[in-house]
Amino acid sequence: MWEGVVEREEASHAAVVGKLALVCARANAENFIMPRNCRSIIASRACDASISQREKQELLLQALKLHVDWATTSSILVSLSGGYAELLGNKRTVRLPNFELDVRLSQALNDRGFVGKIKPEKDYITVYTKRAGRL
């Protein structure tokens, strides 16, 4: 079914982007990877200001599974709250919220080689940044 998905003007509407985020959330929960032709629309909509933090995270998580590059990933991270933008800076470690979605997202960033070690703490996750090799 998803093989026929193409980027269209309708995808810019908040309701459609929200539905796309729900589809990505379901795919992420079931450990399913969408077809590669969905990558550009998922990645481009993950920065949409009209969607929630959780929806952005679900879109980014699926985009990472689809192997988006560091430039695309970094532009999405900047749009997220909770310390994600700090992953782009010169800090050695960044503290992120310790929620299940944040843990999965941190692990996906690690799997792609965009961040280093991840250390779960009681109230937060410590993520070691990785300045070299992200491009």
C-alpha atoms as a PDB file:
ATOM      1  CA  MET A   1       0.000   0.000   0.000  1.00  0.00           C
ATOM      2  CA  TRP A   2       2.773   2.469   0.927  1.00  0.00           C
ATOM      3  CA  GLU A   3       4.678   1.900  -2.299  1.00  0.00           C
ATOM      4  CA  GLY A   4       2.359   4.390  -4.013  1.00  0.00           C
ATOM      5  CA  VAL A   5       2.795   7.228  -1.526  1.00  0.00           C
ATOM      6  CA  VAL A   6       4.170  10.319  -3.215  1.00  0.00           C
ATOM      7  CA  GLU A   7       4.835  13.814  -1.920  1.00  0.00           C
ATOM      8  CA  ARG A   8       1.874  16.049  -2.696  1.00  0.00           C
ATOM      9  CA  GLU A   9       0.610  19.476  -1.811  1.00  0.00           C
ATOM     10  CA  GLU A  10      -1.919  17.946   0.607  1.00  0.00           C
ATOM     11  CA  ALA A  11       0.932  16.696   2.782  1.00  0.00           C
ATOM     12  CA  SER A  12       1.544  20.244   3.976  1.00  0.00           C
ATOM     13  CA  HIS A  13      -1.850  20.403   5.718  1.00  0.00           C
ATOM     14  CA  ALA A  14      -1.645  19.906   9.484  1.00  0.00           C
ATOM     15  CA  ALA A  15      -4.288  17.161   9.542  1.00  0.00           C
ATOM     16  CA  VAL A  16      -2.464  15.127   6.913  1.00  0.00           C
ATOM     17  CA  VAL A  17       0.883  15.628   8.641  1.00  0.00           C
ATOM     18  CA  GLY A  18      -0.708  14.533  11.913  1.00  0.00           C
ATOM     19  CA  LYS A  19      -2.035  11.376  10.242  1.00  0.00           C
ATOM     20  CA  LEU A  20       1.409  10.704   8.782  1.00  0.00           C
ATOM     21  CA  ALA A  21       2.863  11.015  12.289  1.00  0.00           C
ATOM     22  CA  LEU A  22       0.282   8.499  13.560  1.00  0.00           C
ATOM     23  CA  VAL A  23       1.226   6.071  10.798  1.00  0.00           C
ATOM     24  CA  CYS A  24       4.902   6.493  11.701  1.00  0.00           C
ATOM     25  CA  ALA A  25       4.125   5.973  15.398  1.00  0.00           C
ATOM     26  CA  ARG A  26       2.347   2.723  14.556  1.00  0.00           C
ATOM     27  CA  ALA A  27       5.179   1.621  12.292  1.00  0.00           C
ATOM     28  CA  ASN A  28       7.728   2.459  14.995  1.00  0.00           C
ATOM     29  CA  ALA A  29       5.751   0.557  17.647  1.00  0.00           C
ATOM     30  CA  GLU A  30       5.649  -2.511  15.412  1.00  0.00           C
ATOM     31  CA  ASN A  31       9.307  -2.162  14.385  1.00  0.00           C
ATOM     32  CA  PHE A  32       8.247  -1.662  10.768  1.00  0.00           C
ATOM     33  CA  ILE A  33      10.274   0.396   8.322  1.00  0.00           C
ATOM     34  CA  MET A  34       8.307   2.344   5.738  1.00  0.00           C
ATOM     35  CA  PRO A  35       9.341   2.094   2.067  1.00  0.00           C
ATOM     36  CA  ARG A  36      12.258   4.310   1.046  1.00  0.00           C
ATOM     37  CA  ASN A  37      10.071   6.423  -1.231  1.00  0.00           C
ATOM     38  CA  CYS A  38       8.401   7.782   1.930  1.00  0.00           C
ATOM     39  CA  ARG A  39      11.703   9.117   3.308  1.00  0.00           C
ATOM     40  CA  SER A  40      11.616  12.607   1.801  1.00  0.00           C
ATOM     41  CA  ILE A  41       8.044  13.382   2.815  1.00  0.00           C
ATOM     42  CA  ILE A  42       8.570  12.036   6.353  1.00  0.00           C
ATOM     43  CA  ALA A  43      11.803  13.978   6.812  1.00  0.00           C
ATOM     44  CA  SER A  44      10.436  17.194   5.334  1.00  0.00           C
ATOM     45  CA  ARG A  45       7.338  17.151   7.539  1.00  0.00           C
ATOM     46  CA  ALA A  46       9.178  16.366  10.790  1.00  0.00           C
ATOM     47  CA  CYS A  47      10.028  20.073  11.227  1.00  0.00           C
ATOM     48  CA  ASP A  48       6.427  21.204  10.759  1.00  0.00           C
ATOM     49  CA  ALA A  49       5.558  23.779  13.431  1.00  0.00           C
ATOM     50  CA  SER A  50       1.899  22.726  13.449  1.00  0.00           C
ATOM     51  CA  ILE A  51       2.556  19.275  14.932  1.00  0.00           C
ATOM     52  CA  SER A  52       3.388  18.259  18.481  1.00  0.00           C
ATOM     53  CA  GLN A  53       6.782  17.322  19.898  1.00  0.00           C
ATOM     54  CA  ARG A  54       5.753  13.666  20.069  1.00  0.00           C
ATOM     55  CA  GLU A  55       4.638  13.661  16.424  1.00  0.00           C
ATOM     56  CA  LYS A  56       7.951  15.230  15.373  1.00  0.00           C
ATOM     57  CA  GLN A  57       9.822  12.583  17.346  1.00  0.00           C
ATOM     58  CA  GLU A  58       7.857   9.745  15.737  1.00  0.00           C
ATOM     59  CA  LEU A  59       8.527  11.174  12.268  1.00  0.00           C
ATOM     60  CA  LEU A  60      12.236  11.581  13.065  1.00  0.00           C
ATOM     61  CA  LEU A  61      12.457   8.057  14.432  1.00  0.00           C
ATOM     62  CA  GLN A  62      11.018   6.641  11.216  1.00  0.00           C
ATOM     63  CA  ALA A  63      13.225   8.950   9.123  1.00  0.00           C
ATOM     64  CA  LEU A  64      16.298   7.625  10.948  1.00  0.00           C
ATOM     65  CA  LYS A  65      15.204   4.072  10.161  1.00  0.00           C
ATOM     66  CA  LEU A  66      15.038   5.180   6.528  1.00  0.00           C
ATOM     67  CA  HIS A  67      18.656   6.404   6.748  1.00  0.00           C
ATOM     68  CA  VAL A  68      18.265  10.169   6.428  1.00  0.00           C
ATOM     69  CA  ASP A  69      21.590  11.989   6.438  1.00  0.00           C
ATOM     70  CA  TRP A  70      23.059  14.103   9.245  1.00  0.00           C
ATOM     71  CA  ALA A  71      22.125  17.418   7.590  1.00  0.00           C
ATOM     72  CA  THR A  72      18.455  16.433   7.504  1.00  0.00           C
ATOM     73  CA  THR A  73      18.577  14.943  10.998  1.00  0.00           C
ATOM     74  CA  SER A  74      20.190  18.052  12.475  1.00  0.00           C
ATOM     75  CA  SER A  75      17.527  20.322  10.973  1.00  0.00           C
ATOM     76  CA  ILE A  76      14.852  18.203  12.647  1.00  0.00           C
ATOM     77  CA  LEU A  77      16.693  18.088  15.991  1.00  0.00           C
ATOM     78  CA  VAL A  78      16.742  21.902  16.087  1.00  0.00           C
ATOM     79  CA  SER A  79      12.935  21.938  15.924  1.00  0.00           C
ATOM     80  CA  LEU A  80      12.614  19.667  18.980  1.00  0.00           C
ATOM     81  CA  SER A  81      12.506  20.913  22.557  1.00  0.00           C
ATOM     82  CA  GLY A  82      13.959  19.118  25.557  1.00  0.00           C
ATOM     83  CA  GLY A  83      17.638  19.591  24.781  1.00  0.00           C
ATOM     84  CA  TYR A  84      17.833  17.941  21.365  1.00  0.00           C
ATOM     85  CA  ALA A  85      19.293  21.054  19.718  1.00  0.00           C
ATOM     86  CA  GLU A  86      22.229  20.815  22.141  1.00  0.00           C
ATOM     87  CA  LEU A  87      23.315  17.652  20.315  1.00  0.00           C
ATOM     88  CA  LEU A  88      24.513  19.939  17.525  1.00  0.00           C
ATOM     89  CA  GLY A  89      26.708  22.095  19.771  1.00  0.00           C
ATOM     90  CA  ASN A  90      30.104  21.653  21.328  1.00  0.00           C
ATOM     91  CA  LYS A  91      28.918  20.082  24.574  1.00  0.00           C
ATOM     92  CA  ARG A  92      30.413  16.696  25.391  1.00  0.00           C
ATOM     93  CA  THR A  93      27.217  15.418  27.007  1.00  0.00           C
ATOM     94  CA  VAL A  94      23.567  16.363  26.703  1.00  0.00           C
ATOM     95  CA  ARG A  95      20.761  15.483  29.094  1.00  0.00           C
ATOM     96  CA  LEU A  96      17.509  14.465  27.445  1.00  0.00           C
ATOM     97  CA  PRO A  97      14.174  13.533  29.038  1.00  0.00           C
ATOM     98  CA  ASN A  98      13.945   9.925  30.212  1.00  0.00           C
ATOM     99  CA  PHE A  99      10.744   8.907  28.469  1.00  0.00           C
ATOM    100  CA  GLU A 100      10.339   5.791  26.348  1.00  0.00           C
ATOM    101  CA  LEU A 101      10.167   7.701  23.059  1.00  0.00           C
ATOM    102  CA  ASP A 102      13.261   9.733  23.966  1.00  0.00           C
ATOM    103  CA  VAL A 103      15.157   6.520  24.742  1.00  0.00           C
ATOM    104  CA  ARG A 104      14.159   4.990  21.391  1.00  0.00           C
ATOM    105  CA  LEU A 105      15.079   8.180  19.548  1.00  0.00           C
ATOM    106  CA  SER A 106      18.455   8.388  21.299  1.00  0.00           C
ATOM    107  CA  GLN A 107      19.134   4.759  20.408  1.00  0.00           C
ATOM    108  CA  ALA A 108      18.213   5.388  16.762  1.00  0.00           C
ATOM    109  CA  LEU A 109      20.608   8.362  16.685  1.00  0.00           C
ATOM    110  CA  ASN A 110      23.280   6.101  18.179  1.00  0.00           C
ATOM    111  CA  ASP A 111      22.547   3.327  15.671  1.00  0.00           C
ATOM    112  CA  ARG A 112      23.141   5.803  12.846  1.00  0.00           C
ATOM    113  CA  GLY A 113      26.408   6.960  14.443  1.00  0.00           C
ATOM    114  CA  PHE A 114      25.133  10.496  15.070  1.00  0.00           C
ATOM    115  CA  VAL A 115      25.675  10.324  18.845  1.00  0.00           C
ATOM    116  CA  GLY A 116      27.973   8.330  21.080  1.00  0.00           C
ATOM    117  CA  LYS A 117      27.231   6.369  24.221  1.00  0.00           C
ATOM    118  CA  ILE A 118      23.806   6.628  25.865  1.00  0.00           C
ATOM    119  CA  LYS A 119      23.622   6.399  29.640  1.00  0.00           C
ATOM    120  CA  PRO A 120      20.144   6.092  31.195  1.00  0.00           C
ATOM    121  CA  GLU A 121      19.794   7.854  34.552  1.00  0.00           C
ATOM    122  CA  LYS A 122      16.849   8.001  36.932  1.00  0.00           C
ATOM    123  CA  ASP A 123      15.352  11.293  35.694  1.00  0.00           C
ATOM    124  CA  TYR A 124      17.129  11.824  32.368  1.00  0.00           C
ATOM    125  CA  ILE A 125      19.266  10.236  29.667  1.00  0.00           C
ATOM    126  CA  THR A 126      22.875  11.323  29.269  1.00  0.00           C
ATOM    127  CA  VAL A 127      23.851  11.272  25.603  1.00  0.00           C
ATOM    128  CA  TYR A 128      27.483  11.697  24.644  1.00  0.00           C
ATOM    129  CA  THR A 129      27.820  13.829  21.550  1.00  0.00           C
ATOM    130  CA  LYS A 130      29.876  12.757  18.580  1.00  0.00           C
ATOM    131  CA  ARG A 131      31.236  15.694  16.637  1.00  0.00           C
ATOM    132  CA  ALA A 132      33.316  13.762  14.124  1.00  0.00           C
ATOM    133  CA  GLY A 133      31.903  11.423  11.537  1.00  0.00           C
ATOM    134  CA  ARG A 134      28.327  12.691  11.475  1.00  0.00           C
ATOM    135  CA  LEU A 135      28.445  14.028   7.961  1.00  0.00           C
END
